[in-house]
Amino acid sequence: MNLFVYGTLLRGESNHHVMDGATLLYTGGMLQAKMYDTGKGYPAIELSMGSTIVGDIYEIPDHMWLNLDDLEGYTGNPTTDLYSREFVKVQTLDGLVEAVVYTVCDESMKLYEIPSGDWTNYRQSK
């Protein structure tokens, strides 16, 4: 199963080491979503037409999902989880690619919208 990453799991970011063992399939993928600064050193997104975020797509081996879910605060319970798993289609140079993305469950995490939808550029410009 593929994962679209847009924040600290990206190359050069603080949690990229968690992606060891995953296969990078696409860089610069685009997803219809809004990105927010949580104020905690990582972003959150919500799916939204009319806004675009950028990120990478990785193929994730089955054994890695538990660790990723733990990092993202996902258990499958949307009333208590920080993030939810959503199935999406990401635009790439080769067309649409299916992937999972972690989206925000807790509305209070959406402190400031990041209009560029690019976490790395936003973080580096701060």
N, C-alpha and C. Protein backbone atom coordinates (compact mmCIF):
# COMPACT_ATOMS: atom_id res chain seq x y z
N MET A 1 0.85 -1.18 0.00
CA MET A 1 0.00 0.00 0.00
C MET A 1 0.90 1.24 0.00
N ASN A 2 0.46 2.28 -0.69
CA ASN A 2 1.23 3.52 -0.80
C ASN A 2 0.81 4.52 0.27
N LEU A 3 1.76 5.37 0.65
CA LEU A 3 1.52 6.45 1.60
C LEU A 3 1.98 7.77 1.00
N PHE A 4 1.12 8.78 1.05
CA PHE A 4 1.48 10.14 0.65
C PHE A 4 1.96 10.86 1.90
N VAL A 5 3.22 11.33 1.89
CA VAL A 5 3.79 12.04 3.03
C VAL A 5 3.96 13.51 2.68
N TYR A 6 3.74 14.39 3.65
CA TYR A 6 3.73 15.83 3.38
C TYR A 6 4.39 16.65 4.47
N GLY A 7 4.88 16.02 5.53
CA GLY A 7 5.42 16.76 6.67
C GLY A 7 6.74 16.20 7.15
N THR A 8 6.78 15.79 8.40
CA THR A 8 8.04 15.37 9.02
C THR A 8 8.55 14.03 8.49
N LEU A 9 7.77 13.31 7.70
CA LEU A 9 8.24 12.07 7.09
C LEU A 9 8.97 12.30 5.76
N LEU A 10 8.94 13.54 5.26
CA LEU A 10 9.63 13.86 4.01
C LEU A 10 11.15 13.75 4.17
N ARG A 11 11.83 13.57 3.05
CA ARG A 11 13.29 13.55 3.05
C ARG A 11 13.81 14.86 3.63
N GLY A 12 14.79 14.75 4.53
CA GLY A 12 15.39 15.93 5.16
C GLY A 12 14.64 16.43 6.38
N GLU A 13 13.51 15.82 6.71
CA GLU A 13 12.72 16.26 7.86
C GLU A 13 12.96 15.34 9.06
N SER A 14 12.47 15.76 10.22
CA SER A 14 12.83 15.14 11.50
C SER A 14 12.44 13.68 11.66
N ASN A 15 11.38 13.22 11.03
CA ASN A 15 10.95 11.82 11.19
C ASN A 15 11.18 10.97 9.95
N HIS A 16 12.01 11.46 9.03
CA HIS A 16 12.23 10.70 7.80
C HIS A 16 12.83 9.32 8.08
N HIS A 17 13.60 9.19 9.16
CA HIS A 17 14.20 7.89 9.50
C HIS A 17 13.14 6.79 9.65
N VAL A 18 11.92 7.16 9.98
CA VAL A 18 10.83 6.19 10.12
C VAL A 18 10.52 5.54 8.78
N MET A 19 10.89 6.20 7.69
CA MET A 19 10.61 5.69 6.34
C MET A 19 11.66 4.69 5.87
N ASP A 20 12.69 4.41 6.68
CA ASP A 20 13.69 3.40 6.31
C ASP A 20 12.99 2.08 6.04
N GLY A 21 13.22 1.52 4.87
CA GLY A 21 12.56 0.28 4.48
C GLY A 21 11.42 0.49 3.51
N ALA A 22 10.98 1.74 3.35
CA ALA A 22 9.94 2.08 2.38
C ALA A 22 10.61 2.44 1.05
N THR A 23 9.86 2.33 -0.04
CA THR A 23 10.38 2.64 -1.37
C THR A 23 9.76 3.93 -1.88
N LEU A 24 10.61 4.91 -2.18
CA LEU A 24 10.14 6.17 -2.74
C LEU A 24 9.68 5.93 -4.17
N LEU A 25 8.41 6.24 -4.45
CA LEU A 25 7.86 6.05 -5.79
C LEU A 25 7.79 7.36 -6.57
N TYR A 26 7.35 8.44 -5.92
CA TYR A 26 7.16 9.73 -6.59
C TYR A 26 7.51 10.87 -5.65
N THR A 27 8.13 11.90 -6.21
CA THR A 27 8.32 13.16 -5.49
C THR A 27 7.43 14.21 -6.14
N GLY A 28 7.11 15.24 -5.39
CA GLY A 28 6.34 16.34 -5.95
C GLY A 28 4.91 16.00 -6.31
N GLY A 29 4.33 15.01 -5.62
CA GLY A 29 2.92 14.70 -5.83
C GLY A 29 2.04 15.82 -5.31
N MET A 30 0.87 15.98 -5.90
CA MET A 30 -0.05 17.04 -5.49
C MET A 30 -1.39 16.44 -5.07
N LEU A 31 -1.90 16.92 -3.94
CA LEU A 31 -3.15 16.44 -3.37
C LEU A 31 -4.05 17.63 -3.07
N GLN A 32 -5.33 17.49 -3.36
CA GLN A 32 -6.31 18.54 -3.05
C GLN A 32 -6.57 18.52 -1.54
N ALA A 33 -5.93 19.46 -0.83
CA ALA A 33 -6.03 19.51 0.63
C ALA A 33 -5.52 20.86 1.12
N LYS A 34 -5.86 21.18 2.36
CA LYS A 34 -5.33 22.36 3.04
C LYS A 34 -4.35 21.89 4.10
N MET A 35 -3.25 22.62 4.25
CA MET A 35 -2.23 22.30 5.24
C MET A 35 -2.23 23.35 6.34
N TYR A 36 -2.01 22.89 7.56
CA TYR A 36 -1.99 23.76 8.72
C TYR A 36 -0.75 23.53 9.56
N ASP A 37 -0.26 24.59 10.17
CA ASP A 37 0.79 24.50 11.18
C ASP A 37 0.09 24.20 12.50
N THR A 38 0.51 23.15 13.17
CA THR A 38 -0.10 22.77 14.44
C THR A 38 0.52 23.52 15.62
N GLY A 39 1.66 24.18 15.39
CA GLY A 39 2.38 24.83 16.47
C GLY A 39 3.22 23.86 17.27
N LYS A 40 3.28 22.61 16.82
CA LYS A 40 4.01 21.57 17.55
C LYS A 40 5.18 21.01 16.73
N GLY A 41 5.54 21.70 15.65
CA GLY A 41 6.67 21.26 14.85
C GLY A 41 6.31 20.29 13.74
N TYR A 42 5.03 20.12 13.49
CA TYR A 42 4.59 19.26 12.39
C TYR A 42 3.27 19.81 11.84
N PRO A 43 2.96 19.46 10.58
CA PRO A 43 1.73 19.96 9.98
C PRO A 43 0.56 19.00 10.16
N ALA A 44 -0.60 19.49 9.82
CA ALA A 44 -1.81 18.67 9.73
C ALA A 44 -2.52 19.08 8.45
N ILE A 45 -3.26 18.16 7.84
CA ILE A 45 -4.00 18.49 6.63
C ILE A 45 -5.44 18.03 6.75
N GLU A 46 -6.29 18.68 5.93
CA GLU A 46 -7.65 18.21 5.72
C GLU A 46 -7.89 18.23 4.22
N LEU A 47 -8.57 17.22 3.72
CA LEU A 47 -8.87 17.16 2.30
C LEU A 47 -9.79 18.31 1.95
N SER A 48 -9.49 19.00 0.84
CA SER A 48 -10.25 20.18 0.47
C SER A 48 -10.02 20.51 -1.00
N MET A 49 -11.10 20.58 -1.75
CA MET A 49 -10.99 21.00 -3.15
C MET A 49 -10.62 22.48 -3.19
N GLY A 50 -9.83 22.86 -4.18
CA GLY A 50 -9.47 24.26 -4.34
C GLY A 50 -8.15 24.64 -3.70
N SER A 51 -7.58 23.76 -2.90
CA SER A 51 -6.26 23.98 -2.30
C SER A 51 -5.41 22.76 -2.62
N THR A 52 -4.11 22.97 -2.75
CA THR A 52 -3.21 21.88 -3.10
C THR A 52 -2.03 21.84 -2.14
N ILE A 53 -1.66 20.64 -1.73
CA ILE A 53 -0.43 20.44 -0.96
C ILE A 53 0.49 19.56 -1.78
N VAL A 54 1.78 19.60 -1.43
CA VAL A 54 2.77 18.79 -2.14
C VAL A 54 3.41 17.80 -1.19
N GLY A 55 3.84 16.67 -1.75
CA GLY A 55 4.50 15.65 -0.95
C GLY A 55 5.01 14.53 -1.81
N ASP A 56 5.44 13.48 -1.16
CA ASP A 56 6.02 12.32 -1.83
C ASP A 56 5.17 11.08 -1.58
N ILE A 57 5.28 10.13 -2.49
CA ILE A 57 4.56 8.86 -2.35
C ILE A 57 5.56 7.74 -2.15
N TYR A 58 5.33 6.95 -1.11
CA TYR A 58 6.16 5.79 -0.79
C TYR A 58 5.32 4.53 -0.82
N GLU A 59 5.94 3.44 -1.24
CA GLU A 59 5.34 2.12 -1.07
C GLU A 59 5.78 1.62 0.30
N ILE A 60 4.80 1.28 1.13
CA ILE A 60 5.07 0.91 2.52
C ILE A 60 4.88 -0.59 2.71
N PRO A 61 5.92 -1.31 3.16
CA PRO A 61 5.74 -2.72 3.48
C PRO A 61 4.76 -2.89 4.64
N ASP A 62 4.04 -3.98 4.65
CA ASP A 62 3.01 -4.22 5.68
C ASP A 62 3.54 -4.05 7.10
N HIS A 63 4.77 -4.51 7.35
CA HIS A 63 5.29 -4.49 8.72
C HIS A 63 5.57 -3.07 9.24
N MET A 64 5.56 -2.06 8.37
CA MET A 64 5.86 -0.69 8.80
C MET A 64 4.64 0.10 9.26
N TRP A 65 3.44 -0.37 8.91
CA TRP A 65 2.24 0.42 9.19
C TRP A 65 1.98 0.65 10.68
N LEU A 66 2.26 -0.32 11.51
CA LEU A 66 2.01 -0.17 12.96
C LEU A 66 2.84 0.98 13.53
N ASN A 67 4.11 1.06 13.14
CA ASN A 67 4.99 2.13 13.60
C ASN A 67 4.52 3.49 13.08
N LEU A 68 4.11 3.54 11.80
CA LEU A 68 3.60 4.79 11.23
C LEU A 68 2.32 5.23 11.94
N ASP A 69 1.41 4.28 12.17
CA ASP A 69 0.16 4.61 12.87
C ASP A 69 0.44 5.15 14.27
N ASP A 70 1.41 4.55 14.95
CA ASP A 70 1.77 5.01 16.29
C ASP A 70 2.31 6.44 16.24
N LEU A 71 3.19 6.71 15.30
CA LEU A 71 3.75 8.06 15.14
C LEU A 71 2.65 9.08 14.87
N GLU A 72 1.68 8.72 14.06
CA GLU A 72 0.61 9.64 13.65
C GLU A 72 -0.57 9.67 14.63
N GLY A 73 -0.51 8.90 15.69
CA GLY A 73 -1.60 8.89 16.66
C GLY A 73 -2.88 8.31 16.10
N TYR A 74 -2.74 7.27 15.27
CA TYR A 74 -3.90 6.65 14.62
C TYR A 74 -4.14 5.25 15.17
N THR A 75 -5.37 5.02 15.66
CA THR A 75 -5.76 3.68 16.12
C THR A 75 -7.00 3.17 15.39
N GLY A 76 -7.63 4.05 14.61
CA GLY A 76 -8.88 3.69 13.95
C GLY A 76 -10.10 4.26 14.65
N ASN A 77 -9.90 5.00 15.75
CA ASN A 77 -11.00 5.61 16.49
C ASN A 77 -10.98 7.12 16.27
N PRO A 78 -11.81 7.65 15.37
CA PRO A 78 -11.75 9.08 15.04
C PRO A 78 -12.11 10.02 16.19
N THR A 79 -12.74 9.52 17.24
CA THR A 79 -13.08 10.40 18.36
C THR A 79 -11.89 10.64 19.28
N THR A 80 -10.89 9.77 19.24
CA THR A 80 -9.72 9.94 20.10
C THR A 80 -8.41 10.10 19.34
N ASP A 81 -8.39 9.76 18.06
CA ASP A 81 -7.15 9.81 17.28
C ASP A 81 -6.78 11.24 16.91
N LEU A 82 -5.46 11.49 16.77
CA LEU A 82 -4.99 12.76 16.24
C LEU A 82 -5.23 12.82 14.74
N TYR A 83 -4.98 11.70 14.07
CA TYR A 83 -5.10 11.63 12.62
C TYR A 83 -5.96 10.44 12.21
N SER A 84 -6.52 10.55 11.02
CA SER A 84 -7.29 9.49 10.40
C SER A 84 -6.57 9.07 9.13
N ARG A 85 -6.79 7.85 8.70
CA ARG A 85 -6.26 7.39 7.41
C ARG A 85 -7.33 7.60 6.35
N GLU A 86 -6.96 8.22 5.25
CA GLU A 86 -7.89 8.44 4.13
C GLU A 86 -7.27 7.86 2.87
N PHE A 87 -8.09 7.25 2.03
CA PHE A 87 -7.63 6.79 0.73
C PHE A 87 -7.85 7.91 -0.26
N VAL A 88 -6.78 8.26 -1.00
CA VAL A 88 -6.83 9.41 -1.92
C VAL A 88 -6.18 9.05 -3.25
N LYS A 89 -6.37 9.94 -4.21
CA LYS A 89 -5.66 9.86 -5.49
C LYS A 89 -4.79 11.10 -5.59
N VAL A 90 -3.50 10.86 -5.74
CA VAL A 90 -2.51 11.93 -5.78
C VAL A 90 -2.07 12.15 -7.22
N GLN A 91 -2.03 13.41 -7.63
CA GLN A 91 -1.58 13.75 -8.98
C GLN A 91 -0.05 13.67 -9.05
N THR A 92 0.46 12.90 -10.01
CA THR A 92 1.90 12.80 -10.26
C THR A 92 2.15 13.07 -11.74
N LEU A 93 3.40 13.10 -12.12
CA LEU A 93 3.74 13.28 -13.54
C LEU A 93 3.24 12.12 -14.39
N ASP A 94 3.03 10.96 -13.76
CA ASP A 94 2.52 9.78 -14.47
C ASP A 94 1.01 9.64 -14.38
N GLY A 95 0.32 10.61 -13.80
CA GLY A 95 -1.12 10.52 -13.63
C GLY A 95 -1.49 10.34 -12.17
N LEU A 96 -2.72 9.93 -11.93
CA LEU A 96 -3.21 9.75 -10.56
C LEU A 96 -2.70 8.44 -9.98
N VAL A 97 -2.24 8.51 -8.72
CA VAL A 97 -1.73 7.35 -8.00
C VAL A 97 -2.50 7.23 -6.69
N GLU A 98 -3.00 6.03 -6.40
CA GLU A 98 -3.73 5.80 -5.15
C GLU A 98 -2.76 5.68 -3.99
N ALA A 99 -3.16 6.28 -2.87
CA ALA A 99 -2.33 6.25 -1.67
C ALA A 99 -3.21 6.48 -0.45
N VAL A 100 -2.63 6.22 0.69
CA VAL A 100 -3.22 6.57 1.98
C VAL A 100 -2.56 7.87 2.43
N VAL A 101 -3.32 8.73 3.10
CA VAL A 101 -2.76 9.93 3.69
C VAL A 101 -3.35 10.07 5.09
N TYR A 102 -2.55 10.60 6.01
CA TYR A 102 -3.05 10.87 7.36
C TYR A 102 -3.63 12.29 7.38
N THR A 103 -4.91 12.40 7.76
CA THR A 103 -5.58 13.70 7.85
C THR A 103 -5.96 13.99 9.30
N VAL A 104 -6.08 15.25 9.63
CA VAL A 104 -6.31 15.68 11.00
C VAL A 104 -7.73 15.30 11.47
N CYS A 105 -7.82 14.84 12.71
CA CYS A 105 -9.11 14.58 13.36
C CYS A 105 -9.45 15.69 14.35
N ASP A 106 -8.44 16.18 15.04
CA ASP A 106 -8.61 17.18 16.10
C ASP A 106 -8.57 18.59 15.50
N GLU A 107 -9.72 19.24 15.43
CA GLU A 107 -9.82 20.57 14.82
C GLU A 107 -8.92 21.60 15.50
N SER A 108 -8.64 21.41 16.78
CA SER A 108 -7.81 22.39 17.50
C SER A 108 -6.36 22.39 17.03
N MET A 109 -5.97 21.38 16.26
CA MET A 109 -4.60 21.31 15.74
C MET A 109 -4.39 22.25 14.55
N LYS A 110 -5.45 22.77 13.98
CA LYS A 110 -5.35 23.62 12.79
C LYS A 110 -5.15 25.08 13.20
N LEU A 111 -3.92 25.42 13.63
CA LEU A 111 -3.67 26.78 14.13
C LEU A 111 -3.57 27.80 13.00
N TYR A 112 -2.68 27.56 12.04
CA TYR A 112 -2.45 28.51 10.96
C TYR A 112 -2.41 27.78 9.64
N GLU A 113 -3.17 28.26 8.67
CA GLU A 113 -3.12 27.65 7.35
C GLU A 113 -1.78 27.98 6.68
N ILE A 114 -1.23 27.00 5.98
CA ILE A 114 -0.01 27.17 5.20
C ILE A 114 -0.45 27.22 3.74
N PRO A 115 -0.66 28.43 3.19
CA PRO A 115 -1.24 28.54 1.85
C PRO A 115 -0.45 27.85 0.75
N SER A 116 0.88 27.78 0.90
CA SER A 116 1.71 27.15 -0.14
C SER A 116 1.50 25.64 -0.20
N GLY A 117 1.05 25.04 0.91
CA GLY A 117 0.89 23.60 0.96
C GLY A 117 2.20 22.84 0.92
N ASP A 118 3.30 23.53 1.21
CA ASP A 118 4.64 22.94 1.15
C ASP A 118 5.30 23.08 2.52
N TRP A 119 5.30 22.00 3.30
CA TRP A 119 5.80 22.03 4.66
C TRP A 119 7.27 22.41 4.73
N THR A 120 8.11 21.81 3.90
CA THR A 120 9.55 22.05 3.96
C THR A 120 9.86 23.52 3.69
N ASN A 121 9.30 24.08 2.64
CA ASN A 121 9.55 25.50 2.34
C ASN A 121 9.02 26.40 3.45
N TYR A 122 7.87 26.08 3.98
CA TYR A 122 7.28 26.86 5.07
C TYR A 122 8.19 26.83 6.30
N ARG A 123 8.62 25.63 6.68
CA ARG A 123 9.47 25.48 7.86
C ARG A 123 10.80 26.21 7.68
N GLN A 124 11.39 26.11 6.51
CA GLN A 124 12.68 26.75 6.27
C GLN A 124 12.58 28.27 6.21
N SER A 125 11.40 28.79 5.91
CA SER A 125 11.23 30.25 5.82
C SER A 125 10.91 30.89 7.16
N LYS A 126 10.67 30.09 8.17
CA LYS A 126 10.30 30.63 9.49
C LYS A 126 11.52 31.19 10.21
